[in-house]
Amino acid sequence: MILQETGSNVLRHLWRVLAALALGVLLGVVTPDVRAEYGDVVINNYSDASGMRPVVFPHWFHRIRYRCKVCHADLGFKFKAGGNDINMVKVIDGQFCGACHNGDIAWNVENCNMCHSAKPNTPTQVHESTINSLVLPAGAKQEKKP
């Protein structure tokens, strides 16, 4: 069973995060262009082939509300972009995203454009995560600094 944090706890947590970020900017520790550790995940295993735009999963938005175990243990999401065989039949059947996006916990799957919002042909990837700036893509050569 998925446990939800109460609305007041979420708001309290959000205010703490915003206060810490503001303090970090004032002290010069955090730059305003800081990126989320948990970047958006673009899911395009089947979308392009089905004539739909790829899904943009806002990982950071969900991470503010739920602990990692809710999705990665309770719902069975693997820790790899593209590592889950998600399709709309499974979602409608209440698997993966459909466990919450059922019209009761979160909007239902009839709002296609809420999720299918990436540009066509965007590959499955973690997008705008700090990990992308730390790890070189396969085959890329590291620049030598003088």
N, C-alpha and C. Protein backbone atom coordinates (compact mmCIF):
# COMPACT_ATOMS: atom_id res chain seq x y z
N MET A 1 0.84 -1.18 0.00
CA MET A 1 0.00 0.00 0.00
C MET A 1 0.89 1.25 0.00
N ILE A 2 0.50 2.21 -0.79
CA ILE A 2 1.29 3.44 -0.90
C ILE A 2 0.84 4.41 0.19
N LEU A 3 1.80 4.87 0.99
CA LEU A 3 1.50 5.82 2.04
C LEU A 3 1.79 7.22 1.54
N GLN A 4 0.83 8.12 1.72
CA GLN A 4 1.03 9.50 1.31
C GLN A 4 1.38 10.36 2.52
N GLU A 5 2.25 11.30 2.29
CA GLU A 5 2.52 12.27 3.34
C GLU A 5 1.38 13.27 3.33
N THR A 6 1.02 13.79 4.48
CA THR A 6 -0.06 14.77 4.55
C THR A 6 0.36 16.04 3.84
N GLY A 7 -0.65 16.81 3.41
CA GLY A 7 -0.38 18.04 2.69
C GLY A 7 0.46 19.02 3.49
N SER A 8 0.20 19.11 4.81
CA SER A 8 0.97 20.05 5.62
C SER A 8 2.43 19.63 5.72
N ASN A 9 2.71 18.32 5.79
CA ASN A 9 4.09 17.85 5.82
C ASN A 9 4.81 18.18 4.52
N VAL A 10 4.11 18.02 3.41
CA VAL A 10 4.71 18.32 2.11
C VAL A 10 5.02 19.81 2.01
N LEU A 11 4.08 20.65 2.44
CA LEU A 11 4.31 22.09 2.38
C LEU A 11 5.46 22.50 3.30
N ARG A 12 5.52 21.92 4.49
CA ARG A 12 6.60 22.22 5.42
C ARG A 12 7.95 21.84 4.80
N HIS A 13 7.99 20.65 4.18
CA HIS A 13 9.23 20.19 3.55
C HIS A 13 9.61 21.11 2.39
N LEU A 14 8.63 21.51 1.59
CA LEU A 14 8.89 22.39 0.46
C LEU A 14 9.45 23.74 0.93
N TRP A 15 8.88 24.30 1.99
CA TRP A 15 9.37 25.57 2.53
C TRP A 15 10.80 25.43 3.03
N ARG A 16 11.11 24.29 3.67
CA ARG A 16 12.48 24.07 4.15
C ARG A 16 13.46 24.02 2.98
N VAL A 17 13.06 23.32 1.92
CA VAL A 17 13.92 23.21 0.75
C VAL A 17 14.14 24.59 0.13
N LEU A 18 13.05 25.35 -0.02
CA LEU A 18 13.17 26.69 -0.60
C LEU A 18 14.02 27.61 0.27
N ALA A 19 13.86 27.53 1.59
CA ALA A 19 14.65 28.36 2.50
C ALA A 19 16.13 27.99 2.40
N ALA A 20 16.43 26.69 2.35
CA ALA A 20 17.82 26.26 2.24
C ALA A 20 18.42 26.71 0.91
N LEU A 21 17.65 26.62 -0.17
CA LEU A 21 18.13 27.06 -1.48
C LEU A 21 18.40 28.57 -1.47
N ALA A 22 17.47 29.35 -0.90
CA ALA A 22 17.64 30.80 -0.83
C ALA A 22 18.88 31.16 -0.02
N LEU A 23 19.09 30.48 1.10
CA LEU A 23 20.27 30.72 1.92
C LEU A 23 21.54 30.37 1.14
N GLY A 24 21.50 29.27 0.41
CA GLY A 24 22.66 28.86 -0.39
C GLY A 24 23.00 29.87 -1.47
N VAL A 25 21.97 30.45 -2.10
CA VAL A 25 22.19 31.47 -3.13
C VAL A 25 22.79 32.72 -2.49
N LEU A 26 22.24 33.13 -1.34
CA LEU A 26 22.76 34.33 -0.65
C LEU A 26 24.21 34.16 -0.23
N LEU A 27 24.58 32.98 0.20
CA LEU A 27 25.95 32.74 0.64
C LEU A 27 26.89 32.42 -0.51
N GLY A 28 26.34 32.28 -1.71
CA GLY A 28 27.16 31.97 -2.87
C GLY A 28 27.56 30.51 -2.97
N VAL A 29 26.96 29.65 -2.16
CA VAL A 29 27.28 28.22 -2.19
C VAL A 29 26.53 27.54 -3.33
N VAL A 30 25.33 28.03 -3.62
CA VAL A 30 24.49 27.46 -4.68
C VAL A 30 24.31 28.53 -5.74
N THR A 31 24.53 28.17 -6.99
CA THR A 31 24.30 29.11 -8.08
C THR A 31 22.86 28.98 -8.55
N PRO A 32 22.26 30.06 -9.05
CA PRO A 32 20.86 30.02 -9.46
C PRO A 32 20.56 28.99 -10.56
N ASP A 33 21.57 28.58 -11.32
CA ASP A 33 21.32 27.61 -12.39
C ASP A 33 21.52 26.17 -11.92
N VAL A 34 21.43 25.93 -10.61
CA VAL A 34 21.61 24.58 -10.09
C VAL A 34 20.56 23.65 -10.70
N ARG A 35 20.96 22.43 -11.01
CA ARG A 35 20.05 21.47 -11.61
C ARG A 35 19.65 20.42 -10.59
N ALA A 36 18.50 19.84 -10.81
CA ALA A 36 17.99 18.83 -9.89
C ALA A 36 18.88 17.59 -9.92
N GLU A 37 19.13 17.02 -8.75
CA GLU A 37 19.87 15.76 -8.69
C GLU A 37 19.09 14.66 -9.37
N TYR A 38 17.79 14.73 -9.21
CA TYR A 38 16.91 13.73 -9.82
C TYR A 38 16.26 14.39 -11.03
N GLY A 39 16.95 14.39 -12.15
CA GLY A 39 16.45 15.07 -13.34
C GLY A 39 15.23 14.39 -13.92
N ASP A 40 14.61 15.06 -14.87
CA ASP A 40 13.48 14.48 -15.58
C ASP A 40 13.95 13.23 -16.32
N VAL A 41 13.06 12.27 -16.43
CA VAL A 41 13.36 11.06 -17.19
C VAL A 41 12.47 11.07 -18.42
N VAL A 42 13.09 10.98 -19.59
CA VAL A 42 12.33 10.88 -20.83
C VAL A 42 12.17 9.39 -21.13
N ILE A 43 10.93 8.96 -21.33
CA ILE A 43 10.62 7.56 -21.60
C ILE A 43 10.08 7.47 -23.02
N ASN A 44 10.83 6.79 -23.88
CA ASN A 44 10.43 6.67 -25.27
C ASN A 44 10.66 5.24 -25.76
N ASN A 45 10.25 4.27 -24.98
CA ASN A 45 10.40 2.88 -25.41
C ASN A 45 9.41 2.54 -26.52
N TYR A 46 8.21 3.10 -26.45
CA TYR A 46 7.16 2.77 -27.43
C TYR A 46 6.47 4.00 -28.03
N SER A 47 6.66 5.18 -27.46
CA SER A 47 5.88 6.35 -27.85
C SER A 47 6.02 6.72 -29.32
N ASP A 48 7.24 6.93 -29.80
CA ASP A 48 7.42 7.33 -31.20
C ASP A 48 6.79 6.32 -32.15
N ALA A 49 6.99 5.05 -31.87
CA ALA A 49 6.44 4.00 -32.74
C ALA A 49 4.92 4.00 -32.74
N SER A 50 4.32 4.53 -31.67
CA SER A 50 2.86 4.57 -31.56
C SER A 50 2.27 5.89 -32.02
N GLY A 51 3.12 6.79 -32.49
CA GLY A 51 2.65 8.08 -32.96
C GLY A 51 2.35 9.06 -31.83
N MET A 52 2.90 8.79 -30.64
CA MET A 52 2.71 9.67 -29.49
C MET A 52 4.04 10.37 -29.17
N ARG A 53 3.95 11.49 -28.51
CA ARG A 53 5.17 12.15 -28.04
C ARG A 53 5.73 11.32 -26.88
N PRO A 54 7.03 11.31 -26.68
CA PRO A 54 7.61 10.59 -25.54
C PRO A 54 7.14 11.18 -24.21
N VAL A 55 7.21 10.36 -23.17
CA VAL A 55 6.80 10.78 -21.83
C VAL A 55 7.94 11.52 -21.16
N VAL A 56 7.62 12.60 -20.44
CA VAL A 56 8.58 13.26 -19.56
C VAL A 56 8.11 12.99 -18.14
N PHE A 57 8.91 12.22 -17.41
CA PHE A 57 8.60 11.91 -16.02
C PHE A 57 9.39 12.86 -15.12
N PRO A 58 8.73 13.78 -14.40
CA PRO A 58 9.43 14.72 -13.54
C PRO A 58 9.83 14.04 -12.22
N HIS A 59 10.98 13.41 -12.24
CA HIS A 59 11.44 12.64 -11.09
C HIS A 59 11.52 13.50 -9.84
N TRP A 60 12.07 14.71 -9.95
CA TRP A 60 12.22 15.61 -8.80
C TRP A 60 10.88 15.92 -8.16
N PHE A 61 9.85 16.13 -8.95
CA PHE A 61 8.52 16.47 -8.46
C PHE A 61 7.94 15.33 -7.63
N HIS A 62 8.14 14.10 -8.10
CA HIS A 62 7.67 12.93 -7.35
C HIS A 62 8.53 12.70 -6.12
N ARG A 63 9.83 12.97 -6.22
CA ARG A 63 10.75 12.72 -5.12
C ARG A 63 10.48 13.65 -3.93
N ILE A 64 9.97 14.83 -4.19
CA ILE A 64 9.60 15.75 -3.12
C ILE A 64 8.47 15.14 -2.28
N ARG A 65 7.58 14.43 -2.93
CA ARG A 65 6.39 13.92 -2.26
C ARG A 65 6.54 12.52 -1.68
N TYR A 66 7.36 11.70 -2.28
CA TYR A 66 7.46 10.29 -1.88
C TYR A 66 8.91 9.88 -1.67
N ARG A 67 9.11 8.91 -0.83
CA ARG A 67 10.44 8.33 -0.64
C ARG A 67 10.75 7.41 -1.83
N CYS A 68 12.02 7.17 -2.07
CA CYS A 68 12.45 6.35 -3.21
C CYS A 68 11.76 4.98 -3.23
N LYS A 69 11.61 4.37 -2.05
CA LYS A 69 11.09 3.02 -1.96
C LYS A 69 9.66 2.88 -2.48
N VAL A 70 8.89 3.97 -2.46
CA VAL A 70 7.51 3.88 -2.93
C VAL A 70 7.47 3.40 -4.38
N CYS A 71 8.27 4.01 -5.23
CA CYS A 71 8.27 3.62 -6.64
C CYS A 71 9.25 2.48 -6.94
N HIS A 72 10.45 2.57 -6.34
CA HIS A 72 11.50 1.62 -6.71
C HIS A 72 11.41 0.29 -5.97
N ALA A 73 10.69 0.22 -4.88
CA ALA A 73 10.50 -1.07 -4.19
C ALA A 73 9.04 -1.50 -4.29
N ASP A 74 8.14 -0.65 -3.82
CA ASP A 74 6.73 -1.02 -3.79
C ASP A 74 6.13 -1.21 -5.18
N LEU A 75 6.50 -0.35 -6.13
CA LEU A 75 5.93 -0.44 -7.48
C LEU A 75 6.85 -1.16 -8.47
N GLY A 76 8.08 -1.42 -8.10
CA GLY A 76 8.97 -2.21 -8.94
C GLY A 76 9.71 -1.50 -10.05
N PHE A 77 9.79 -0.15 -10.01
CA PHE A 77 10.56 0.56 -11.04
C PHE A 77 12.04 0.25 -10.87
N LYS A 78 12.71 -0.08 -11.96
CA LYS A 78 14.16 -0.30 -11.92
C LYS A 78 14.87 1.04 -11.89
N PHE A 79 16.10 1.06 -11.39
CA PHE A 79 16.89 2.27 -11.29
C PHE A 79 17.63 2.56 -12.59
N LYS A 80 16.96 2.50 -13.71
CA LYS A 80 17.61 2.73 -15.00
C LYS A 80 16.58 3.27 -15.98
N ALA A 81 16.89 4.42 -16.58
CA ALA A 81 16.00 4.97 -17.59
C ALA A 81 15.87 3.97 -18.74
N GLY A 82 14.66 3.61 -19.07
CA GLY A 82 14.41 2.64 -20.13
C GLY A 82 14.46 1.20 -19.67
N GLY A 83 14.73 0.97 -18.40
CA GLY A 83 14.85 -0.39 -17.87
C GLY A 83 13.52 -1.05 -17.52
N ASN A 84 12.43 -0.31 -17.67
CA ASN A 84 11.11 -0.84 -17.33
C ASN A 84 10.28 -0.98 -18.60
N ASP A 85 9.61 -2.08 -18.72
CA ASP A 85 8.78 -2.33 -19.91
C ASP A 85 7.40 -1.72 -19.67
N ILE A 86 7.33 -0.39 -19.72
CA ILE A 86 6.09 0.32 -19.45
C ILE A 86 5.36 0.55 -20.77
N ASN A 87 4.08 0.25 -20.78
CA ASN A 87 3.24 0.59 -21.92
C ASN A 87 1.86 1.00 -21.38
N MET A 88 1.03 1.56 -22.21
CA MET A 88 -0.25 2.10 -21.74
C MET A 88 -1.19 1.02 -21.24
N VAL A 89 -1.13 -0.17 -21.78
CA VAL A 89 -1.99 -1.26 -21.30
C VAL A 89 -1.68 -1.54 -19.83
N LYS A 90 -0.39 -1.59 -19.49
CA LYS A 90 0.02 -1.83 -18.10
C LYS A 90 -0.36 -0.66 -17.21
N VAL A 91 -0.20 0.56 -17.68
CA VAL A 91 -0.54 1.73 -16.89
C VAL A 91 -2.04 1.75 -16.60
N ILE A 92 -2.85 1.51 -17.63
CA ILE A 92 -4.31 1.47 -17.45
C ILE A 92 -4.71 0.35 -16.50
N ASP A 93 -3.94 -0.73 -16.50
CA ASP A 93 -4.20 -1.88 -15.62
C ASP A 93 -3.73 -1.62 -14.19
N GLY A 94 -3.18 -0.44 -13.92
CA GLY A 94 -2.78 -0.08 -12.57
C GLY A 94 -1.34 -0.42 -12.22
N GLN A 95 -0.55 -0.79 -13.21
CA GLN A 95 0.86 -1.05 -12.97
C GLN A 95 1.67 0.22 -13.22
N PHE A 96 2.89 0.23 -12.71
CA PHE A 96 3.81 1.35 -12.86
C PHE A 96 3.11 2.67 -12.52
N CYS A 97 3.07 3.63 -13.44
CA CYS A 97 2.47 4.95 -13.18
C CYS A 97 0.99 4.84 -12.84
N GLY A 98 0.33 3.83 -13.37
CA GLY A 98 -1.10 3.64 -13.16
C GLY A 98 -1.48 3.32 -11.73
N ALA A 99 -0.50 2.96 -10.88
CA ALA A 99 -0.80 2.70 -9.47
C ALA A 99 -1.29 3.97 -8.78
N CYS A 100 -0.78 5.12 -9.20
CA CYS A 100 -1.21 6.40 -8.63
C CYS A 100 -2.06 7.22 -9.59
N HIS A 101 -1.72 7.17 -10.87
CA HIS A 101 -2.44 7.96 -11.86
C HIS A 101 -3.70 7.21 -12.28
N ASN A 102 -4.65 7.19 -11.33
CA ASN A 102 -5.88 6.44 -11.48
C ASN A 102 -7.11 7.31 -11.28
N GLY A 103 -6.93 8.62 -11.14
CA GLY A 103 -8.04 9.54 -10.91
C GLY A 103 -8.34 9.75 -9.44
N ASP A 104 -7.78 8.94 -8.56
CA ASP A 104 -7.99 9.10 -7.12
C ASP A 104 -6.79 9.76 -6.46
N ILE A 105 -5.60 9.19 -6.66
CA ILE A 105 -4.38 9.74 -6.05
C ILE A 105 -3.85 10.88 -6.91
N ALA A 106 -3.82 10.69 -8.20
CA ALA A 106 -3.35 11.71 -9.15
C ALA A 106 -4.24 11.62 -10.40
N TRP A 107 -4.06 12.58 -11.31
CA TRP A 107 -4.92 12.58 -12.51
C TRP A 107 -4.85 11.25 -13.21
N ASN A 108 -5.91 10.96 -13.96
CA ASN A 108 -5.95 9.66 -14.64
C ASN A 108 -5.29 9.73 -16.01
N VAL A 109 -5.21 8.61 -16.66
CA VAL A 109 -4.45 8.50 -17.91
C VAL A 109 -5.15 9.11 -19.11
N GLU A 110 -6.32 9.67 -18.92
CA GLU A 110 -7.03 10.30 -20.04
C GLU A 110 -6.45 11.66 -20.40
N ASN A 111 -5.58 12.19 -19.56
CA ASN A 111 -4.92 13.47 -19.82
C ASN A 111 -3.57 13.20 -20.49
N CYS A 112 -3.58 12.72 -21.69
CA CYS A 112 -2.38 12.24 -22.38
C CYS A 112 -1.24 13.26 -22.40
N ASN A 113 -1.57 14.52 -22.72
CA ASN A 113 -0.53 15.53 -22.89
C ASN A 113 0.18 15.91 -21.59
N MET A 114 -0.38 15.52 -20.45
CA MET A 114 0.28 15.80 -19.17
C MET A 114 1.61 15.04 -19.09
N CYS A 115 1.66 13.86 -19.64
CA CYS A 115 2.87 13.03 -19.58
C CYS A 115 3.58 12.97 -20.93
N HIS A 116 2.82 12.78 -21.99
CA HIS A 116 3.40 12.68 -23.34
C HIS A 116 3.67 14.09 -23.85
N SER A 117 4.78 14.68 -23.37
CA SER A 117 5.05 16.09 -23.64
C SER A 117 6.44 16.37 -24.21
N ALA A 118 7.26 15.34 -24.39
CA ALA A 118 8.60 15.56 -24.94
C ALA A 118 8.53 15.76 -26.45
N LYS A 119 9.57 16.32 -27.00
CA LYS A 119 9.64 16.48 -28.45
C LYS A 119 9.74 15.09 -29.08
N PRO A 120 9.08 14.88 -30.22
CA PRO A 120 9.20 13.59 -30.90
C PRO A 120 10.67 13.24 -31.15
N ASN A 121 10.97 11.97 -31.09
CA ASN A 121 12.30 11.40 -31.32
C ASN A 121 13.30 11.72 -30.21
N THR A 122 12.84 12.19 -29.05
CA THR A 122 13.74 12.37 -27.91
C THR A 122 14.02 10.99 -27.35
N PRO A 123 15.28 10.60 -27.23
CA PRO A 123 15.59 9.25 -26.74
C PRO A 123 15.31 9.09 -25.26
N THR A 124 15.11 7.85 -24.84
CA THR A 124 14.97 7.54 -23.42
C THR A 124 16.26 7.92 -22.73
N GLN A 125 16.15 8.72 -21.65
CA GLN A 125 17.33 9.22 -20.97
C GLN A 125 16.95 9.92 -19.68
N VAL A 126 17.92 10.13 -18.81
CA VAL A 126 17.75 11.03 -17.68
C VAL A 126 18.21 12.38 -18.21
N HIS A 127 17.32 13.35 -18.19
CA HIS A 127 17.57 14.65 -18.81
C HIS A 127 17.79 15.71 -17.75
N GLU A 128 18.82 16.52 -17.90
CA GLU A 128 19.12 17.65 -17.01
C GLU A 128 19.44 17.22 -15.58
N SER A 129 20.00 16.05 -15.40
CA SER A 129 20.44 15.62 -14.09
C SER A 129 21.90 16.00 -13.92
N THR A 130 22.32 16.21 -12.69
CA THR A 130 23.72 16.54 -12.47
C THR A 130 24.62 15.38 -12.87
N ILE A 131 24.10 14.17 -12.86
CA ILE A 131 24.90 13.01 -13.24
C ILE A 131 25.35 13.14 -14.70
N ASN A 132 24.52 13.78 -15.54
CA ASN A 132 24.88 13.95 -16.95
C ASN A 132 26.12 14.82 -17.11
N SER A 133 26.34 15.76 -16.19
CA SER A 133 27.51 16.62 -16.29
C SER A 133 28.74 15.99 -15.67
N LEU A 134 28.57 14.87 -14.97
CA LEU A 134 29.69 14.22 -14.31
C LEU A 134 30.21 13.01 -15.07
N VAL A 135 29.38 12.44 -15.92
CA VAL A 135 29.73 11.21 -16.62
C VAL A 135 29.78 11.48 -18.12
N LEU A 136 30.86 11.07 -18.75
CA LEU A 136 30.97 11.23 -20.20
C LEU A 136 30.13 10.17 -20.92
N PRO A 137 29.47 10.54 -22.01
CA PRO A 137 28.76 9.54 -22.79
C PRO A 137 29.74 8.51 -23.34
N ALA A 138 29.25 7.31 -23.62
CA ALA A 138 30.10 6.25 -24.16
C ALA A 138 30.76 6.71 -25.45
N GLY A 139 32.03 6.53 -25.55
CA GLY A 139 32.77 6.88 -26.76
C GLY A 139 33.26 8.31 -26.81
N ALA A 140 32.82 9.15 -25.86
CA ALA A 140 33.25 10.56 -25.87
C ALA A 140 34.67 10.65 -25.31
N LYS A 141 35.43 11.57 -25.87
CA LYS A 141 36.80 11.78 -25.41
C LYS A 141 36.84 12.96 -24.46
N GLN A 142 37.55 12.79 -23.35
CA GLN A 142 37.68 13.85 -22.38
C GLN A 142 38.64 14.91 -22.89
N GLU A 143 38.23 16.20 -22.72
CA GLU A 143 39.09 17.29 -23.14
C GLU A 143 40.27 17.40 -22.19
N LYS A 144 41.44 17.63 -22.77
CA LYS A 144 42.63 17.82 -21.95
C LYS A 144 42.77 19.30 -21.64
N LYS A 145 42.92 19.61 -20.36
CA LYS A 145 43.08 20.99 -19.96
C LYS A 145 44.55 21.37 -19.97
N PRO A 146 44.87 22.59 -20.43
CA PRO A 146 46.28 23.02 -20.52
C PRO A 146 46.91 23.21 -19.16
